[in-house]
Every structure is written in C-alpha cells, then in structure tokens.
Amino acid sequence: MDNAAKQTGKPFLMRIGIGLFGVGMVAVLAVFVMFAAGLENLPVWLSAAAGLITPLGLLLGLIALVREARSAKTG
C-alpha cells in the first residue's frame, strides 16, 4: 500500500480527506440550493453531512500533510 501511495504522490490518508471534503462540499452546495429554492424543512442527515463531513475531511487532510512534512524532515 505504501508503494501505491508513493506512486500517486499522495498518501492514503490525504486521498480519504480529499474525498470526504468533496462529499461534504457537495452536501453544503445541496443545502444552499435547497434553501434558495424555498425549502425550509431540510433533511437532518443532509445538514449533518454538510456540517460534519466537510470539517472531518479537512482535518484528515491537514493531519496527512503534517505527517508527510514530519516524515520528510526526519527521513
């Protein structure tokens, strides 16, 4: 798995973080579009996804970035 991550240039955790952040941003966009269309009772799962998945993806991406910087610094 490390060999595959080195070939693509991004560690596994970074790819997961980017994916989660992208899904969360789609959820945020869906919430904004639905609210602009006049819907008031938005699904709770959609609001939760927009509020939780986006920062989780960002956090995982930042953790991967820090880990990569530390490993490059020591090795």
PDB file of N, CA and C in Angstrom:
ATOM      1  N   MET A   1       0.827  -1.182   0.000  1.00  0.00           N
ATOM      2  CA  MET A   1       0.000   0.000   0.000  1.00  0.00           C
ATOM      3  C   MET A   1       0.876   1.253   0.000  1.00  0.00           C
ATOM      4  N   ASP A   2       1.997   1.226   0.705  1.00  0.00           N
ATOM      5  CA  ASP A   2       2.884   2.382   0.706  1.00  0.00           C
ATOM      6  C   ASP A   2       3.453   2.631  -0.686  1.00  0.00           C
ATOM      7  N   ASN A   3       3.730   1.566  -1.408  1.00  0.00           N
ATOM      8  CA  ASN A   3       4.258   1.703  -2.759  1.00  0.00           C
ATOM      9  C   ASN A   3       3.243   2.379  -3.670  1.00  0.00           C
ATOM     10  N   ALA A   4       1.967   2.031  -3.529  1.00  0.00           N
ATOM     11  CA  ALA A   4       0.922   2.651  -4.348  1.00  0.00           C
ATOM     12  C   ALA A   4       0.757   4.116  -3.979  1.00  0.00           C
ATOM     13  N   ALA A   5       0.867   4.440  -2.700  1.00  0.00           N
ATOM     14  CA  ALA A   5       0.746   5.826  -2.277  1.00  0.00           C
ATOM     15  C   ALA A   5       1.911   6.655  -2.790  1.00  0.00           C
ATOM     16  N   LYS A   6       3.102   6.072  -2.833  1.00  0.00           N
ATOM     17  CA  LYS A   6       4.256   6.812  -3.343  1.00  0.00           C
ATOM     18  C   LYS A   6       4.165   7.017  -4.841  1.00  0.00           C
ATOM     19  N   GLN A   7       3.560   6.073  -5.550  1.00  0.00           N
ATOM     20  CA  GLN A   7       3.429   6.213  -6.994  1.00  0.00           C
ATOM     21  C   GLN A   7       2.458   7.322  -7.360  1.00  0.00           C
ATOM     22  N   THR A   8       1.359   7.465  -6.618  1.00  0.00           N
ATOM     23  CA  THR A   8       0.385   8.509  -6.921  1.00  0.00           C
ATOM     24  C   THR A   8       0.826   9.860  -6.383  1.00  0.00           C
ATOM     25  N   GLY A   9       1.721   9.873  -5.423  1.00  0.00           N
ATOM     26  CA  GLY A   9       2.213  11.128  -4.878  1.00  0.00           C
ATOM     27  C   GLY A   9       1.424  11.624  -3.684  1.00  0.00           C
ATOM     28  N   LYS A  10       0.318  10.953  -3.326  1.00  0.00           N
ATOM     29  CA  LYS A  10      -0.478  11.369  -2.184  1.00  0.00           C
ATOM     30  C   LYS A  10      -0.660  10.182  -1.254  1.00  0.00           C
ATOM     31  N   PRO A  11      -0.461  10.392   0.046  1.00  0.00           N
ATOM     32  CA  PRO A  11      -0.686   9.293   0.983  1.00  0.00           C
ATOM     33  C   PRO A  11      -2.174   8.936   1.061  1.00  0.00           C
ATOM     34  N   PHE A  12      -2.431   7.735   1.556  1.00  0.00           N
ATOM     35  CA  PHE A  12      -3.795   7.218   1.638  1.00  0.00           C
ATOM     36  C   PHE A  12      -4.694   8.137   2.454  1.00  0.00           C
ATOM     37  N   LEU A  13      -4.198   8.633   3.575  1.00  0.00           N
ATOM     38  CA  LEU A  13      -4.994   9.492   4.440  1.00  0.00           C
ATOM     39  C   LEU A  13      -5.363  10.795   3.731  1.00  0.00           C
ATOM     40  N   MET A  14      -4.473  11.306   2.907  1.00  0.00           N
ATOM     41  CA  MET A  14      -4.764  12.527   2.163  1.00  0.00           C
ATOM     42  C   MET A  14      -5.873  12.286   1.146  1.00  0.00           C
ATOM     43  N   ARG A  15      -5.827  11.142   0.473  1.00  0.00           N
ATOM     44  CA  ARG A  15      -6.868  10.829  -0.511  1.00  0.00           C
ATOM     45  C   ARG A  15      -8.228  10.672   0.153  1.00  0.00           C
ATOM     46  N   ILE A  16      -8.256  10.054   1.334  1.00  0.00           N
ATOM     47  CA  ILE A  16      -9.507   9.920   2.079  1.00  0.00           C
ATOM     48  C   ILE A  16     -10.025  11.300   2.486  1.00  0.00           C
ATOM     49  N   GLY A  17      -9.132  12.158   2.967  1.00  0.00           N
ATOM     50  CA  GLY A  17      -9.520  13.506   3.374  1.00  0.00           C
ATOM     51  C   GLY A  17     -10.066  14.323   2.216  1.00  0.00           C
ATOM     52  N   ILE A  18      -9.437  14.222   1.055  1.00  0.00           N
ATOM     53  CA  ILE A  18      -9.908  14.950  -0.117  1.00  0.00           C
ATOM     54  C   ILE A  18     -11.289  14.446  -0.531  1.00  0.00           C
ATOM     55  N   GLY A  19     -11.471  13.132  -0.491  1.00  0.00           N
ATOM     56  CA  GLY A  19     -12.768  12.560  -0.849  1.00  0.00           C
ATOM     57  C   GLY A  19     -13.876  12.996   0.100  1.00  0.00           C
ATOM     58  N   LEU A  20     -13.605  12.942   1.400  1.00  0.00           N
ATOM     59  CA  LEU A  20     -14.600  13.364   2.380  1.00  0.00           C
ATOM     60  C   LEU A  20     -14.907  14.851   2.261  1.00  0.00           C
ATOM     61  N   PHE A  21     -13.890  15.642   2.032  1.00  0.00           N
ATOM     62  CA  PHE A  21     -14.104  17.075   1.882  1.00  0.00           C
ATOM     63  C   PHE A  21     -14.968  17.353   0.644  1.00  0.00           C
ATOM     64  N   GLY A  22     -14.704  16.633  -0.441  1.00  0.00           N
ATOM     65  CA  GLY A  22     -15.502  16.818  -1.657  1.00  0.00           C
ATOM     66  C   GLY A  22     -16.953  16.435  -1.440  1.00  0.00           C
ATOM     67  N   VAL A  23     -17.193  15.302  -0.770  1.00  0.00           N
ATOM     68  CA  VAL A  23     -18.564  14.882  -0.479  1.00  0.00           C
ATOM     69  C   VAL A  23     -19.253  15.900   0.422  1.00  0.00           C
ATOM     70  N   GLY A  24     -18.530  16.404   1.403  1.00  0.00           N
ATOM     71  CA  GLY A  24     -19.098  17.412   2.296  1.00  0.00           C
ATOM     72  C   GLY A  24     -19.427  18.703   1.570  1.00  0.00           C
ATOM     73  N   MET A  25     -18.588  19.092   0.632  1.00  0.00           N
ATOM     74  CA  MET A  25     -18.871  20.325  -0.122  1.00  0.00           C
ATOM     75  C   MET A  25     -20.093  20.144  -1.030  1.00  0.00           C
ATOM     76  N   VAL A  26     -20.276  18.941  -1.568  1.00  0.00           N
ATOM     77  CA  VAL A  26     -21.490  18.669  -2.353  1.00  0.00           C
ATOM     78  C   VAL A  26     -22.718  18.763  -1.449  1.00  0.00           C
ATOM     79  N   ALA A  27     -22.612  18.279  -0.221  1.00  0.00           N
ATOM     80  CA  ALA A  27     -23.719  18.381   0.722  1.00  0.00           C
ATOM     81  C   ALA A  27     -24.004  19.837   1.082  1.00  0.00           C
ATOM     82  N   VAL A  28     -22.956  20.635   1.271  1.00  0.00           N
ATOM     83  CA  VAL A  28     -23.147  22.059   1.562  1.00  0.00           C
ATOM     84  C   VAL A  28     -23.832  22.746   0.389  1.00  0.00           C
ATOM     85  N   LEU A  29     -23.390  22.443  -0.813  1.00  0.00           N
ATOM     86  CA  LEU A  29     -23.999  23.023  -2.006  1.00  0.00           C
ATOM     87  C   LEU A  29     -25.463  22.611  -2.118  1.00  0.00           C
ATOM     88  N   ALA A  30     -25.771  21.356  -1.827  1.00  0.00           N
ATOM     89  CA  ALA A  30     -27.154  20.888  -1.880  1.00  0.00           C
ATOM     90  C   ALA A  30     -28.023  21.616  -0.856  1.00  0.00           C
ATOM     91  N   VAL A  31     -27.483  21.847   0.347  1.00  0.00           N
ATOM     92  CA  VAL A  31     -28.234  22.570   1.370  1.00  0.00           C
ATOM     93  C   VAL A  31     -28.517  23.994   0.903  1.00  0.00           C
ATOM     94  N   PHE A  32     -27.522  24.667   0.343  1.00  0.00           N
ATOM     95  CA  PHE A  32     -27.729  26.028  -0.131  1.00  0.00           C
ATOM     96  C   PHE A  32     -28.745  26.088  -1.266  1.00  0.00           C
ATOM     97  N   VAL A  33     -28.666  25.161  -2.201  1.00  0.00           N
ATOM     98  CA  VAL A  33     -29.598  25.151  -3.334  1.00  0.00           C
ATOM     99  C   VAL A  33     -31.017  24.876  -2.855  1.00  0.00           C
ATOM    100  N   MET A  34     -31.167  23.919  -1.963  1.00  0.00           N
ATOM    101  CA  MET A  34     -32.497  23.602  -1.451  1.00  0.00           C
ATOM    102  C   MET A  34     -33.075  24.760  -0.652  1.00  0.00           C
ATOM    103  N   PHE A  35     -32.240  25.427   0.126  1.00  0.00           N
ATOM    104  CA  PHE A  35     -32.718  26.573   0.897  1.00  0.00           C
ATOM    105  C   PHE A  35     -33.089  27.733  -0.018  1.00  0.00           C
ATOM    106  N   ALA A  36     -32.289  27.960  -1.061  1.00  0.00           N
ATOM    107  CA  ALA A  36     -32.584  29.040  -2.015  1.00  0.00           C
ATOM    108  C   ALA A  36     -33.845  28.739  -2.814  1.00  0.00           C
ATOM    109  N   ALA A  37     -34.161  27.450  -2.990  1.00  0.00           N
ATOM    110  CA  ALA A  37     -35.370  27.068  -3.713  1.00  0.00           C
ATOM    111  C   ALA A  37     -36.626  27.233  -2.855  1.00  0.00           C
ATOM    112  N   GLY A  38     -36.451  27.564  -1.597  1.00  0.00           N
ATOM    113  CA  GLY A  38     -37.596  27.823  -0.736  1.00  0.00           C
ATOM    114  C   GLY A  38     -37.950  26.704   0.216  1.00  0.00           C
ATOM    115  N   LEU A  39     -37.188  25.649   0.230  1.00  0.00           N
ATOM    116  CA  LEU A  39     -37.457  24.558   1.161  1.00  0.00           C
ATOM    117  C   LEU A  39     -36.961  24.944   2.552  1.00  0.00           C
ATOM    118  N   GLU A  40     -37.800  24.758   3.531  1.00  0.00           N
ATOM    119  CA  GLU A  40     -37.419  25.136   4.897  1.00  0.00           C
ATOM    120  C   GLU A  40     -37.072  23.938   5.760  1.00  0.00           C
ATOM    121  N   ASN A  41     -37.759  22.826   5.569  1.00  0.00           N
ATOM    122  CA  ASN A  41     -37.518  21.627   6.377  1.00  0.00           C
ATOM    123  C   ASN A  41     -36.557  20.717   5.632  1.00  0.00           C
ATOM    124  N   LEU A  42     -35.280  21.023   5.736  1.00  0.00           N
ATOM    125  CA  LEU A  42     -34.264  20.218   5.062  1.00  0.00           C
ATOM    126  C   LEU A  42     -34.028  18.928   5.835  1.00  0.00           C
ATOM    127  N   PRO A  43     -33.615  17.871   5.139  1.00  0.00           N
ATOM    128  CA  PRO A  43     -33.345  16.612   5.845  1.00  0.00           C
ATOM    129  C   PRO A  43     -32.207  16.776   6.858  1.00  0.00           C
ATOM    130  N   VAL A  44     -32.391  16.170   8.004  1.00  0.00           N
ATOM    131  CA  VAL A  44     -31.392  16.278   9.066  1.00  0.00           C
ATOM    132  C   VAL A  44     -30.085  15.620   8.634  1.00  0.00           C
ATOM    133  N   TRP A  45     -30.170  14.485   7.943  1.00  0.00           N
ATOM    134  CA  TRP A  45     -28.960  13.787   7.523  1.00  0.00           C
ATOM    135  C   TRP A  45     -28.141  14.636   6.564  1.00  0.00           C
ATOM    136  N   LEU A  46     -28.802  15.437   5.732  1.00  0.00           N
ATOM    137  CA  LEU A  46     -28.072  16.282   4.793  1.00  0.00           C
ATOM    138  C   LEU A  46     -27.365  17.424   5.522  1.00  0.00           C
ATOM    139  N   SER A  47     -28.051  18.010   6.469  1.00  0.00           N
ATOM    140  CA  SER A  47     -27.425  19.073   7.261  1.00  0.00           C
ATOM    141  C   SER A  47     -26.277  18.526   8.103  1.00  0.00           C
ATOM    142  N   ALA A  48     -26.465  17.333   8.651  1.00  0.00           N
ATOM    143  CA  ALA A  48     -25.395  16.713   9.438  1.00  0.00           C
ATOM    144  C   ALA A  48     -24.198  16.384   8.562  1.00  0.00           C
ATOM    145  N   ALA A  49     -24.455  15.894   7.355  1.00  0.00           N
ATOM    146  CA  ALA A  49     -23.358  15.593   6.434  1.00  0.00           C
ATOM    147  C   ALA A  49     -22.598  16.857   6.070  1.00  0.00           C
ATOM    148  N   ALA A  50     -23.332  17.932   5.811  1.00  0.00           N
ATOM    149  CA  ALA A  50     -22.682  19.193   5.453  1.00  0.00           C
ATOM    150  C   ALA A  50     -21.869  19.740   6.623  1.00  0.00           C
ATOM    151  N   GLY A  51     -22.367  19.545   7.830  1.00  0.00           N
ATOM    152  CA  GLY A  51     -21.693  20.103   8.997  1.00  0.00           C
ATOM    153  C   GLY A  51     -20.582  19.242   9.569  1.00  0.00           C
ATOM    154  N   LEU A  52     -20.594  17.950   9.284  1.00  0.00           N
ATOM    155  CA  LEU A  52     -19.606  17.062   9.885  1.00  0.00           C
ATOM    156  C   LEU A  52     -18.581  16.513   8.902  1.00  0.00           C
ATOM    157  N   ILE A  53     -19.018  16.145   7.716  1.00  0.00           N
ATOM    158  CA  ILE A  53     -18.106  15.500   6.769  1.00  0.00           C
ATOM    159  C   ILE A  53     -17.079  16.493   6.224  1.00  0.00           C
ATOM    160  N   THR A  54     -17.499  17.722   5.953  1.00  0.00           N
ATOM    161  CA  THR A  54     -16.565  18.709   5.399  1.00  0.00           C
ATOM    162  C   THR A  54     -15.395  18.997   6.350  1.00  0.00           C
ATOM    163  N   PRO A  55     -15.659  19.350   7.618  1.00  0.00           N
ATOM    164  CA  PRO A  55     -14.514  19.575   8.504  1.00  0.00           C
ATOM    165  C   PRO A  55     -13.709  18.314   8.805  1.00  0.00           C
ATOM    166  N   LEU A  56     -14.369  17.145   8.796  1.00  0.00           N
ATOM    167  CA  LEU A  56     -13.636  15.899   9.011  1.00  0.00           C
ATOM    168  C   LEU A  56     -12.641  15.657   7.870  1.00  0.00           C
ATOM    169  N   GLY A  57     -13.073  15.895   6.640  1.00  0.00           N
ATOM    170  CA  GLY A  57     -12.171  15.759   5.500  1.00  0.00           C
ATOM    171  C   GLY A  57     -11.016  16.740   5.566  1.00  0.00           C
ATOM    172  N   LEU A  58     -11.315  17.970   5.968  1.00  0.00           N
ATOM    173  CA  LEU A  58     -10.266  18.973   6.118  1.00  0.00           C
ATOM    174  C   LEU A  58      -9.278  18.567   7.200  1.00  0.00           C
ATOM    175  N   LEU A  59      -9.782  18.062   8.309  1.00  0.00           N
ATOM    176  CA  LEU A  59      -8.913  17.631   9.402  1.00  0.00           C
ATOM    177  C   LEU A  59      -8.011  16.473   8.976  1.00  0.00           C
ATOM    178  N   LEU A  60      -8.584  15.492   8.293  1.00  0.00           N
ATOM    179  CA  LEU A  60      -7.765  14.368   7.824  1.00  0.00           C
ATOM    180  C   LEU A  60      -6.701  14.824   6.834  1.00  0.00           C
ATOM    181  N   GLY A  61      -7.051  15.750   5.959  1.00  0.00           N
ATOM    182  CA  GLY A  61      -6.074  16.285   5.018  1.00  0.00           C
ATOM    183  C   GLY A  61      -4.940  17.011   5.724  1.00  0.00           C
ATOM    184  N   LEU A  62      -5.279  17.786   6.742  1.00  0.00           N
ATOM    185  CA  LEU A  62      -4.245  18.502   7.493  1.00  0.00           C
ATOM    186  C   LEU A  62      -3.356  17.540   8.282  1.00  0.00           C
ATOM    187  N   ILE A  63      -3.954  16.508   8.858  1.00  0.00           N
ATOM    188  CA  ILE A  63      -3.160  15.512   9.577  1.00  0.00           C
ATOM    189  C   ILE A  63      -2.195  14.813   8.622  1.00  0.00           C
ATOM    190  N   ALA A  64      -2.685  14.454   7.447  1.00  0.00           N
ATOM    191  CA  ALA A  64      -1.818  13.807   6.454  1.00  0.00           C
ATOM    192  C   ALA A  64      -0.699  14.739   6.024  1.00  0.00           C
ATOM    193  N   LEU A  65      -1.006  16.007   5.882  1.00  0.00           N
ATOM    194  CA  LEU A  65       0.010  16.983   5.483  1.00  0.00           C
ATOM    195  C   LEU A  65       1.097  17.126   6.542  1.00  0.00           C
ATOM    196  N   VAL A  66       0.692  17.189   7.799  1.00  0.00           N
ATOM    197  CA  VAL A  66       1.664  17.307   8.897  1.00  0.00           C
ATOM    198  C   VAL A  66       2.511  16.041   8.992  1.00  0.00           C
ATOM    199  N   ARG A  67       1.871  14.873   8.865  1.00  0.00           N
ATOM    200  CA  ARG A  67       2.626  13.622   8.918  1.00  0.00           C
ATOM    201  C   ARG A  67       3.634  13.523   7.780  1.00  0.00           C
ATOM    202  N   GLU A  68       3.229  13.967   6.597  1.00  0.00           N
ATOM    203  CA  GLU A  68       4.140  13.920   5.450  1.00  0.00           C
ATOM    204  C   GLU A  68       5.310  14.884   5.636  1.00  0.00           C
ATOM    205  N   ALA A  69       5.035  16.052   6.190  1.00  0.00           N
ATOM    206  CA  ALA A  69       6.105  17.025   6.423  1.00  0.00           C
ATOM    207  C   ALA A  69       7.081  16.514   7.483  1.00  0.00           C
ATOM    208  N   ARG A  70       6.556  15.882   8.515  1.00  0.00           N
ATOM    209  CA  ARG A  70       7.445  15.338   9.555  1.00  0.00           C
ATOM    210  C   ARG A  70       8.295  14.202   9.040  1.00  0.00           C
ATOM    211  N   SER A  71       7.706  13.342   8.190  1.00  0.00           N
ATOM    212  CA  SER A  71       8.495  12.227   7.663  1.00  0.00           C
ATOM    213  C   SER A  71       9.544  12.714   6.676  1.00  0.00           C
ATOM    214  N   ALA A  72       9.247  13.773   5.936  1.00  0.00           N
ATOM    215  CA  ALA A  72      10.238  14.320   5.013  1.00  0.00           C
ATOM    216  C   ALA A  72      11.365  15.002   5.779  1.00  0.00           C
ATOM    217  N   LYS A  73      11.019  15.587   6.922  1.00  0.00           N
ATOM    218  CA  LYS A  73      12.020  16.277   7.728  1.00  0.00           C
ATOM    219  C   LYS A  73      12.989  15.295   8.407  1.00  0.00           C
ATOM    220  N   THR A  74      12.469  14.159   8.872  1.00  0.00           N
ATOM    221  CA  THR A  74      13.308  13.201   9.565  1.00  0.00           C
ATOM    222  C   THR A  74      13.992  12.212   8.625  1.00  0.00           C
ATOM    223  N   GLY A  75      13.400  11.967   7.475  1.00  0.00           N
ATOM    224  CA  GLY A  75      13.963  10.934   6.623  1.00  0.00           C
ATOM    225  C   GLY A  75      14.243  11.467   5.294  1.00  0.00           C
TER     226      GLY A  75
END
